[in-house]
């Protein structure tokens, strides 16, 4: 059974990742075992010519660094470095923030992840009280694989608006990618607190409870997810049904 669970966990995470599209991320709206975030360096930007003269990997790393320049995630929340921010955010206005937010969506829809992160970064700096911009930044960071920074973004959004479904869902997605199953379960249950009929949350909880050995809870969420029309992977359903069968 341990081998089956390991194989299924990889498949389940892949299914979740595949279902998280940029469009879904922008439609509305705990400690974990993840590594600690590193403080973002505040060195100034380099020219495109100088960057492209570097080896591909170094250029990619430099582009990623520049996309987050001006933000610090080391406290588990998003903080602004005013000196660095002043170099590339010309105006701290809601209008500019909204323009950068729209640019970020357009860049992400073109699969330009670093450019999208840079745009959402500028929106956050220009209007730091708008939770939607932190949610957008967090979702873009997930696509880039920067899970610690993404979690900090969602938690900052929740500090501003604790009722944000987008931020709760984003945090749950990040925590599920780590190794702390209990934290992931708590996060998805927090989604159900404000969205009881959320089919995705029920499906994820069915999987998580199964891996935690809580088979009855897994079965209950599996049944609810299917009643709500969510496509539960067939292998997961078979394993949950087998594990929750007393006659097993």
C-alpha atoms as a PDB file:
ATOM      1  CA  UNK A   1       0.000   0.000   0.000  1.00  0.00           C
ATOM      2  CA  UNK A   2       2.912   2.399   0.722  1.00  0.00           C
ATOM      3  CA  UNK A   3       4.105   2.133  -2.862  1.00  0.00           C
ATOM      4  CA  UNK A   4       0.603   2.793  -4.190  1.00  0.00           C
ATOM      5  CA  UNK A   5       0.269   5.869  -1.998  1.00  0.00           C
ATOM      6  CA  UNK A   6       3.588   7.280  -3.212  1.00  0.00           C
ATOM      7  CA  UNK A   7       2.629   6.799  -6.848  1.00  0.00           C
ATOM      8  CA  UNK A   8      -0.821   8.278  -6.256  1.00  0.00           C
ATOM      9  CA  UNK A   9       0.563  11.293  -4.414  1.00  0.00           C
ATOM     10  CA  UNK A  10       2.682  12.216  -7.416  1.00  0.00           C
ATOM     11  CA  UNK A  11      -0.311  11.788  -9.712  1.00  0.00           C
ATOM     12  CA  UNK A  12      -2.644  13.764  -7.465  1.00  0.00           C
ATOM     13  CA  UNK A  13      -0.271  16.720  -7.219  1.00  0.00           C
ATOM     14  CA  UNK A  14       0.169  16.658 -10.986  1.00  0.00           C
ATOM     15  CA  UNK A  15      -3.617  16.709 -11.495  1.00  0.00           C
ATOM     16  CA  UNK A  16      -3.966  19.665  -9.142  1.00  0.00           C
ATOM     17  CA  UNK A  17      -1.172  21.584 -10.827  1.00  0.00           C
ATOM     18  CA  UNK A  18      -2.619  20.957 -14.253  1.00  0.00           C
ATOM     19  CA  UNK A  19      -5.984  22.313 -13.168  1.00  0.00           C
ATOM     20  CA  UNK A  20      -4.656  25.600 -11.855  1.00  0.00           C
ATOM     21  CA  UNK A  21      -4.794  27.868 -14.894  1.00  0.00           C
ATOM     22  CA  UNK A  22      -3.892  31.584 -14.918  1.00  0.00           C
ATOM     23  CA  UNK A  23      -7.502  32.452 -15.720  1.00  0.00           C
ATOM     24  CA  UNK A  24      -8.759  30.460 -12.724  1.00  0.00           C
ATOM     25  CA  UNK A  25      -6.299  32.250 -10.473  1.00  0.00           C
ATOM     26  CA  UNK A  26      -7.716  35.698 -11.202  1.00  0.00           C
ATOM     27  CA  UNK A  27     -11.452  35.118 -11.301  1.00  0.00           C
ATOM     28  CA  UNK A  28     -12.586  36.252  -7.943  1.00  0.00           C
ATOM     29  CA  UNK A  29     -12.055  36.630  -5.297  1.00  0.00           C
ATOM     30  CA  UNK A  30       0.345  26.967   9.612  1.00  0.00           C
ATOM     31  CA  UNK A  31       3.473  26.298   9.592  1.00  0.00           C
ATOM     32  CA  UNK A  32       4.878  24.004   6.919  1.00  0.00           C
ATOM     33  CA  UNK A  33       7.986  22.024   6.158  1.00  0.00           C
ATOM     34  CA  UNK A  34       8.962  24.316   3.292  1.00  0.00           C
ATOM     35  CA  UNK A  35      12.417  25.846   3.351  1.00  0.00           C
ATOM     36  CA  UNK A  36      12.844  29.321   4.817  1.00  0.00           C
ATOM     37  CA  UNK A  37      12.664  32.160   2.273  1.00  0.00           C
ATOM     38  CA  UNK A  38      15.747  34.187   1.526  1.00  0.00           C
ATOM     39  CA  UNK A  39      15.838  37.973   1.649  1.00  0.00           C
ATOM     40  CA  UNK A  40      15.705  39.402  -1.847  1.00  0.00           C
ATOM     41  CA  UNK A  41      18.864  41.268  -2.771  1.00  0.00           C
ATOM     42  CA  UNK A  42      18.518  44.951  -3.566  1.00  0.00           C
ATOM     43  CA  UNK A  43      21.225  45.431  -6.177  1.00  0.00           C
ATOM     44  CA  UNK A  44      20.179  47.590  -9.088  1.00  0.00           C
ATOM     45  CA  UNK A  45      18.958  46.205 -12.432  1.00  0.00           C
ATOM     46  CA  UNK A  46      21.355  45.372 -15.235  1.00  0.00           C
ATOM     47  CA  UNK A  47      20.926  46.166 -18.897  1.00  0.00           C
ATOM     48  CA  UNK A  48      19.262  43.637 -21.235  1.00  0.00           C
ATOM     49  CA  UNK A  49      22.442  43.479 -23.305  1.00  0.00           C
ATOM     50  CA  UNK A  50      24.558  42.675 -20.248  1.00  0.00           C
ATOM     51  CA  UNK A  51      22.060  40.072 -19.033  1.00  0.00           C
ATOM     52  CA  UNK A  52      21.784  38.313 -22.386  1.00  0.00           C
ATOM     53  CA  UNK A  53      25.587  38.144 -22.609  1.00  0.00           C
ATOM     54  CA  UNK A  54      25.562  35.842 -19.592  1.00  0.00           C
ATOM     55  CA  UNK A  55      25.182  32.041 -19.848  1.00  0.00           C
ATOM     56  CA  UNK A  56      21.475  31.011 -20.171  1.00  0.00           C
ATOM     57  CA  UNK A  57      21.150  29.753 -16.588  1.00  0.00           C
ATOM     58  CA  UNK A  58      22.747  32.868 -15.132  1.00  0.00           C
ATOM     59  CA  UNK A  59      20.576  35.111 -17.288  1.00  0.00           C
ATOM     60  CA  UNK A  60      17.461  33.255 -16.136  1.00  0.00           C
ATOM     61  CA  UNK A  61      18.473  33.563 -12.493  1.00  0.00           C
ATOM     62  CA  UNK A  62      19.207  37.255 -12.901  1.00  0.00           C
ATOM     63  CA  UNK A  63      15.866  37.845 -14.612  1.00  0.00           C
ATOM     64  CA  UNK A  64      14.074  36.046 -11.776  1.00  0.00           C
ATOM     65  CA  UNK A  65      15.961  38.104  -9.193  1.00  0.00           C
ATOM     66  CA  UNK A  66      15.086  41.361 -10.899  1.00  0.00           C
ATOM     67  CA  UNK A  67      11.394  40.405 -11.090  1.00  0.00           C
ATOM     68  CA  UNK A  68      11.220  40.449  -7.268  1.00  0.00           C
ATOM     69  CA  UNK A  69      13.539  43.362  -6.668  1.00  0.00           C
ATOM     70  CA  UNK A  70      12.024  45.623  -4.020  1.00  0.00           C
ATOM     71  CA  UNK A  71      10.246  42.877  -2.059  1.00  0.00           C
ATOM     72  CA  UNK A  72      11.396  40.969   1.008  1.00  0.00           C
ATOM     73  CA  UNK A  73       9.797  37.634   2.018  1.00  0.00           C
ATOM     74  CA  UNK A  74      12.105  36.707   4.907  1.00  0.00           C
ATOM     75  CA  UNK A  75       9.463  37.324   7.609  1.00  0.00           C
ATOM     76  CA  UNK A  76       6.881  35.042   6.015  1.00  0.00           C
ATOM     77  CA  UNK A  77       5.022  38.098   4.782  1.00  0.00           C
ATOM     78  CA  UNK A  78       5.645  40.469   1.875  1.00  0.00           C
ATOM     79  CA  UNK A  79       7.540  43.587   2.843  1.00  0.00           C
ATOM     80  CA  UNK A  80       8.668  46.452   0.601  1.00  0.00           C
ATOM     81  CA  UNK A  81      12.216  47.727   0.319  1.00  0.00           C
ATOM     82  CA  UNK A  82      11.547  51.388  -0.333  1.00  0.00           C
ATOM     83  CA  UNK A  83      14.991  52.219  -1.767  1.00  0.00           C
ATOM     84  CA  UNK A  84      14.877  49.414  -4.316  1.00  0.00           C
ATOM     85  CA  UNK A  85      11.220  50.026  -5.127  1.00  0.00           C
ATOM     86  CA  UNK A  86      11.870  53.654  -6.001  1.00  0.00           C
ATOM     87  CA  UNK A  87      14.127  52.560  -8.851  1.00  0.00           C
ATOM     88  CA  UNK A  88      11.399  51.004 -10.973  1.00  0.00           C
ATOM     89  CA  UNK A  89       7.994  52.090  -9.609  1.00  0.00           C
ATOM     90  CA  UNK A  90       7.501  55.614 -10.952  1.00  0.00           C
ATOM     91  CA  UNK A  91       4.316  56.394  -9.025  1.00  0.00           C
ATOM     92  CA  UNK A  92       2.631  54.997  -5.940  1.00  0.00           C
ATOM     93  CA  UNK A  93      -0.929  55.358  -7.194  1.00  0.00           C
ATOM     94  CA  UNK A  94      -3.900  53.029  -7.480  1.00  0.00           C
ATOM     95  CA  UNK A  95      -4.116  53.793 -11.189  1.00  0.00           C
ATOM     96  CA  UNK A  96      -0.548  52.673 -11.816  1.00  0.00           C
ATOM     97  CA  UNK A  97      -1.079  49.573  -9.649  1.00  0.00           C
ATOM     98  CA  UNK A  98      -4.185  48.605 -11.611  1.00  0.00           C
ATOM     99  CA  UNK A  99      -2.323  49.065 -14.893  1.00  0.00           C
ATOM    100  CA  UNK A 100       0.532  46.832 -13.719  1.00  0.00           C
ATOM    101  CA  UNK A 101      -1.947  44.226 -12.485  1.00  0.00           C
ATOM    102  CA  UNK A 102      -3.554  44.043 -15.914  1.00  0.00           C
ATOM    103  CA  UNK A 103      -0.149  43.845 -17.536  1.00  0.00           C
ATOM    104  CA  UNK A 104       0.738  40.978 -15.219  1.00  0.00           C
ATOM    105  CA  UNK A 105      -2.354  39.028 -16.241  1.00  0.00           C
ATOM    106  CA  UNK A 106      -1.529  39.546 -19.908  1.00  0.00           C
ATOM    107  CA  UNK A 107       2.075  38.425 -19.383  1.00  0.00           C
ATOM    108  CA  UNK A 108       1.013  35.329 -17.469  1.00  0.00           C
ATOM    109  CA  UNK A 109      -1.496  34.384 -20.146  1.00  0.00           C
ATOM    110  CA  UNK A 110       1.438  34.477 -22.574  1.00  0.00           C
ATOM    111  CA  UNK A 111       3.406  32.228 -20.176  1.00  0.00           C
ATOM    112  CA  UNK A 112       5.848  35.058 -19.429  1.00  0.00           C
ATOM    113  CA  UNK A 113       6.195  34.155 -15.767  1.00  0.00           C
ATOM    114  CA  UNK A 114       9.059  36.415 -14.726  1.00  0.00           C
ATOM    115  CA  UNK A 115       7.526  39.403 -16.493  1.00  0.00           C
ATOM    116  CA  UNK A 116       4.176  38.699 -14.802  1.00  0.00           C
ATOM    117  CA  UNK A 117       5.815  38.480 -11.393  1.00  0.00           C
ATOM    118  CA  UNK A 118       7.577  41.772 -12.025  1.00  0.00           C
ATOM    119  CA  UNK A 119       4.293  43.451 -12.943  1.00  0.00           C
ATOM    120  CA  UNK A 120       2.457  42.117  -9.891  1.00  0.00           C
ATOM    121  CA  UNK A 121       5.441  43.131  -7.759  1.00  0.00           C
ATOM    122  CA  UNK A 122       5.051  46.697  -9.016  1.00  0.00           C
ATOM    123  CA  UNK A 123       1.300  46.612  -8.323  1.00  0.00           C
ATOM    124  CA  UNK A 124       1.942  45.455  -4.746  1.00  0.00           C
ATOM    125  CA  UNK A 125       4.453  48.233  -4.185  1.00  0.00           C
ATOM    126  CA  UNK A 126       2.224  50.914  -5.713  1.00  0.00           C
ATOM    127  CA  UNK A 127      -0.897  49.875  -3.766  1.00  0.00           C
ATOM    128  CA  UNK A 128       0.149  47.752  -0.800  1.00  0.00           C
ATOM    129  CA  UNK A 129      -3.343  47.632   0.754  1.00  0.00           C
ATOM    130  CA  UNK A 130      -5.014  45.718  -2.082  1.00  0.00           C
ATOM    131  CA  UNK A 131      -5.131  41.952  -1.336  1.00  0.00           C
ATOM    132  CA  UNK A 132      -5.898  41.084  -4.977  1.00  0.00           C
ATOM    133  CA  UNK A 133      -2.391  42.091  -6.011  1.00  0.00           C
ATOM    134  CA  UNK A 134      -0.797  39.813  -3.407  1.00  0.00           C
ATOM    135  CA  UNK A 135      -3.057  36.971  -4.556  1.00  0.00           C
ATOM    136  CA  UNK A 136      -1.982  37.533  -8.161  1.00  0.00           C
ATOM    137  CA  UNK A 137       1.663  37.646  -7.133  1.00  0.00           C
ATOM    138  CA  UNK A 138       1.242  34.433  -5.137  1.00  0.00           C
ATOM    139  CA  UNK A 139      -0.349  32.582  -8.046  1.00  0.00           C
ATOM    140  CA  UNK A 140       2.379  33.689 -10.443  1.00  0.00           C
ATOM    141  CA  UNK A 141       5.039  32.595  -7.965  1.00  0.00           C
ATOM    142  CA  UNK A 142       3.438  29.137  -7.776  1.00  0.00           C
ATOM    143  CA  UNK A 143       3.771  28.791 -11.541  1.00  0.00           C
ATOM    144  CA  UNK A 144       7.441  29.727 -11.134  1.00  0.00           C
ATOM    145  CA  UNK A 145       7.927  27.176  -8.331  1.00  0.00           C
ATOM    146  CA  UNK A 146       8.713  29.803  -5.664  1.00  0.00           C
ATOM    147  CA  UNK A 147       6.516  28.269  -2.976  1.00  0.00           C
ATOM    148  CA  UNK A 148       7.865  30.085   0.093  1.00  0.00           C
ATOM    149  CA  UNK A 149       7.406  33.471  -1.543  1.00  0.00           C
ATOM    150  CA  UNK A 150       3.953  32.444  -2.786  1.00  0.00           C
ATOM    151  CA  UNK A 151       2.866  31.425   0.712  1.00  0.00           C
ATOM    152  CA  UNK A 152       4.109  34.747   2.096  1.00  0.00           C
ATOM    153  CA  UNK A 153       2.063  36.548  -0.563  1.00  0.00           C
ATOM    154  CA  UNK A 154      -1.142  34.682   0.269  1.00  0.00           C
ATOM    155  CA  UNK A 155      -0.641  35.195   3.994  1.00  0.00           C
ATOM    156  CA  UNK A 156      -0.165  38.922   3.427  1.00  0.00           C
ATOM    157  CA  UNK A 157      -3.407  38.980   1.429  1.00  0.00           C
ATOM    158  CA  UNK A 158      -5.158  37.210   4.308  1.00  0.00           C
ATOM    159  CA  UNK A 159      -3.776  39.745   6.792  1.00  0.00           C
ATOM    160  CA  UNK A 160      -5.595  42.397   4.759  1.00  0.00           C
ATOM    161  CA  UNK A 161      -8.729  40.348   3.993  1.00  0.00           C
ATOM    162  CA  UNK A 162      -9.149  37.184   6.119  1.00  0.00           C
ATOM    163  CA  UNK A 163     -12.264  36.243   4.131  1.00  0.00           C
ATOM    164  CA  UNK A 164     -10.451  36.041   0.782  1.00  0.00           C
ATOM    165  CA  UNK A 165     -11.297  32.739  -0.887  1.00  0.00           C
ATOM    166  CA  UNK A 166      -8.534  33.215  -3.475  1.00  0.00           C
ATOM    167  CA  UNK A 167      -5.891  33.687  -0.777  1.00  0.00           C
ATOM    168  CA  UNK A 168      -7.105  30.726   1.280  1.00  0.00           C
ATOM    169  CA  UNK A 169      -7.125  28.524  -1.807  1.00  0.00           C
ATOM    170  CA  UNK A 170      -3.680  29.699  -2.828  1.00  0.00           C
ATOM    171  CA  UNK A 171      -2.224  29.005   0.605  1.00  0.00           C
ATOM    172  CA  UNK A 172      -3.794  25.537   0.579  1.00  0.00           C
ATOM    173  CA  UNK A 173      -2.251  24.790  -2.811  1.00  0.00           C
ATOM    174  CA  UNK A 174       1.188  25.803  -1.551  1.00  0.00           C
ATOM    175  CA  UNK A 175       0.935  23.832   1.681  1.00  0.00           C
ATOM    176  CA  UNK A 176      -0.241  20.742  -0.182  1.00  0.00           C
ATOM    177  CA  UNK A 177       2.964  20.861  -2.220  1.00  0.00           C
ATOM    178  CA  UNK A 178       4.999  20.497   0.982  1.00  0.00           C
ATOM    179  CA  UNK A 179       5.323  17.607   3.409  1.00  0.00           C
ATOM    180  CA  UNK A 180       3.105  18.853   6.236  1.00  0.00           C
ATOM    181  CA  UNK A 181      -0.140  16.994   5.530  1.00  0.00           C
ATOM    182  CA  UNK A 182      -1.869  18.349   8.638  1.00  0.00           C
ATOM    183  CA  UNK A 183      -1.150  21.939   7.597  1.00  0.00           C
ATOM    184  CA  UNK A 184      -2.536  21.241   4.122  1.00  0.00           C
ATOM    185  CA  UNK A 185      -5.669  19.643   5.589  1.00  0.00           C
ATOM    186  CA  UNK A 186      -6.221  22.650   7.846  1.00  0.00           C
ATOM    187  CA  UNK A 187      -5.752  25.011   4.925  1.00  0.00           C
ATOM    188  CA  UNK A 188      -8.282  23.255   2.689  1.00  0.00           C
ATOM    189  CA  UNK A 189     -10.737  23.059   5.593  1.00  0.00           C
ATOM    190  CA  UNK A 190     -10.353  26.825   5.961  1.00  0.00           C
ATOM    191  CA  UNK A 191     -11.513  27.096   2.338  1.00  0.00           C
ATOM    192  CA  UNK A 192     -14.641  25.102   3.230  1.00  0.00           C
ATOM    193  CA  UNK A 193     -15.338  27.479   6.131  1.00  0.00           C
ATOM    194  CA  UNK A 194     -16.268  30.199   3.650  1.00  0.00           C
ATOM    195  CA  UNK A 195     -17.112  27.985   0.654  1.00  0.00           C
ATOM    196  CA  UNK A 196     -18.776  24.802   2.011  1.00  0.00           C
ATOM    197  CA  UNK A 197     -19.675  23.466  -1.437  1.00  0.00           C
ATOM    198  CA  UNK A 198     -16.248  24.006  -2.945  1.00  0.00           C
ATOM    199  CA  UNK A 199     -15.743  20.818  -4.999  1.00  0.00           C
ATOM    200  CA  UNK A 200     -12.022  21.267  -5.406  1.00  0.00           C
ATOM    201  CA  UNK A 201     -11.494  21.555  -1.654  1.00  0.00           C
ATOM    202  CA  UNK A 202     -13.473  18.379  -1.035  1.00  0.00           C
ATOM    203  CA  UNK A 203     -11.466  16.510  -3.685  1.00  0.00           C
ATOM    204  CA  UNK A 204      -8.143  17.641  -2.266  1.00  0.00           C
ATOM    205  CA  UNK A 205      -9.254  16.727   1.265  1.00  0.00           C
ATOM    206  CA  UNK A 206     -10.284  13.268   0.082  1.00  0.00           C
ATOM    207  CA  UNK A 207      -6.719  12.708  -1.105  1.00  0.00           C
ATOM    208  CA  UNK A 208      -5.053  14.282   1.927  1.00  0.00           C
ATOM    209  CA  UNK A 209      -7.167  12.423   4.464  1.00  0.00           C
ATOM    210  CA  UNK A 210      -6.399   9.170   2.648  1.00  0.00           C
ATOM    211  CA  UNK A 211      -2.652   9.790   2.903  1.00  0.00           C
ATOM    212  CA  UNK A 212      -3.125  10.707   6.576  1.00  0.00           C
ATOM    213  CA  UNK A 213      -4.820   7.365   7.200  1.00  0.00           C
ATOM    214  CA  UNK A 214      -8.188   8.951   8.013  1.00  0.00           C
ATOM    215  CA  UNK A 215     -10.144   6.786   5.618  1.00  0.00           C
ATOM    216  CA  UNK A 216     -13.683   7.639   6.734  1.00  0.00           C
ATOM    217  CA  UNK A 217     -13.051  11.366   6.328  1.00  0.00           C
ATOM    218  CA  UNK A 218     -11.471  10.656   2.948  1.00  0.00           C
ATOM    219  CA  UNK A 219     -14.567   8.756   1.838  1.00  0.00           C
ATOM    220  CA  UNK A 220     -16.928  11.507   3.004  1.00  0.00           C
ATOM    221  CA  UNK A 221     -15.053  14.174   1.035  1.00  0.00           C
ATOM    222  CA  UNK A 222     -14.766  11.873  -1.970  1.00  0.00           C
ATOM    223  CA  UNK A 223     -18.533  11.393  -2.032  1.00  0.00           C
ATOM    224  CA  UNK A 224     -19.168  15.121  -1.635  1.00  0.00           C
ATOM    225  CA  UNK A 225     -16.720  16.014  -4.410  1.00  0.00           C
ATOM    226  CA  UNK A 226     -18.433  13.598  -6.777  1.00  0.00           C
ATOM    227  CA  UNK A 227     -21.878  14.881  -5.820  1.00  0.00           C
ATOM    228  CA  UNK A 228     -20.660  18.359  -6.708  1.00  0.00           C
ATOM    229  CA  UNK A 229     -19.441  17.117 -10.089  1.00  0.00           C
ATOM    230  CA  UNK A 230     -15.692  17.233  -9.463  1.00  0.00           C
ATOM    231  CA  UNK A 231     -13.726  14.606 -11.462  1.00  0.00           C
ATOM    232  CA  UNK A 232     -11.902  12.529  -8.848  1.00  0.00           C
ATOM    233  CA  UNK A 233      -9.052  10.386 -10.268  1.00  0.00           C
ATOM    234  CA  UNK A 234     -10.244   6.807 -10.643  1.00  0.00           C
ATOM    235  CA  UNK A 235      -7.243   5.271  -8.894  1.00  0.00           C
ATOM    236  CA  UNK A 236      -7.731   7.518  -5.882  1.00  0.00           C
ATOM    237  CA  UNK A 237     -11.385   6.539  -5.669  1.00  0.00           C
ATOM    238  CA  UNK A 238     -10.536   2.818  -5.783  1.00  0.00           C
ATOM    239  CA  UNK A 239      -7.932   3.142  -3.030  1.00  0.00           C
ATOM    240  CA  UNK A 240     -10.195   5.189  -0.754  1.00  0.00           C
ATOM    241  CA  UNK A 241     -13.094   2.776  -1.207  1.00  0.00           C
ATOM    242  CA  UNK A 242     -10.840  -0.169  -0.482  1.00  0.00           C
ATOM    243  CA  UNK A 243      -9.262   1.442   2.586  1.00  0.00           C
ATOM    244  CA  UNK A 244     -12.623   2.477   4.062  1.00  0.00           C
ATOM    245  CA  UNK A 245     -14.245  -0.952   3.538  1.00  0.00           C
ATOM    246  CA  UNK A 246     -14.396  -2.743   6.931  1.00  0.00           C
ATOM    247  CA  UNK A 247     -14.397  -6.069   5.128  1.00  0.00           C
ATOM    248  CA  UNK A 248     -11.277  -4.882   3.289  1.00  0.00           C
END
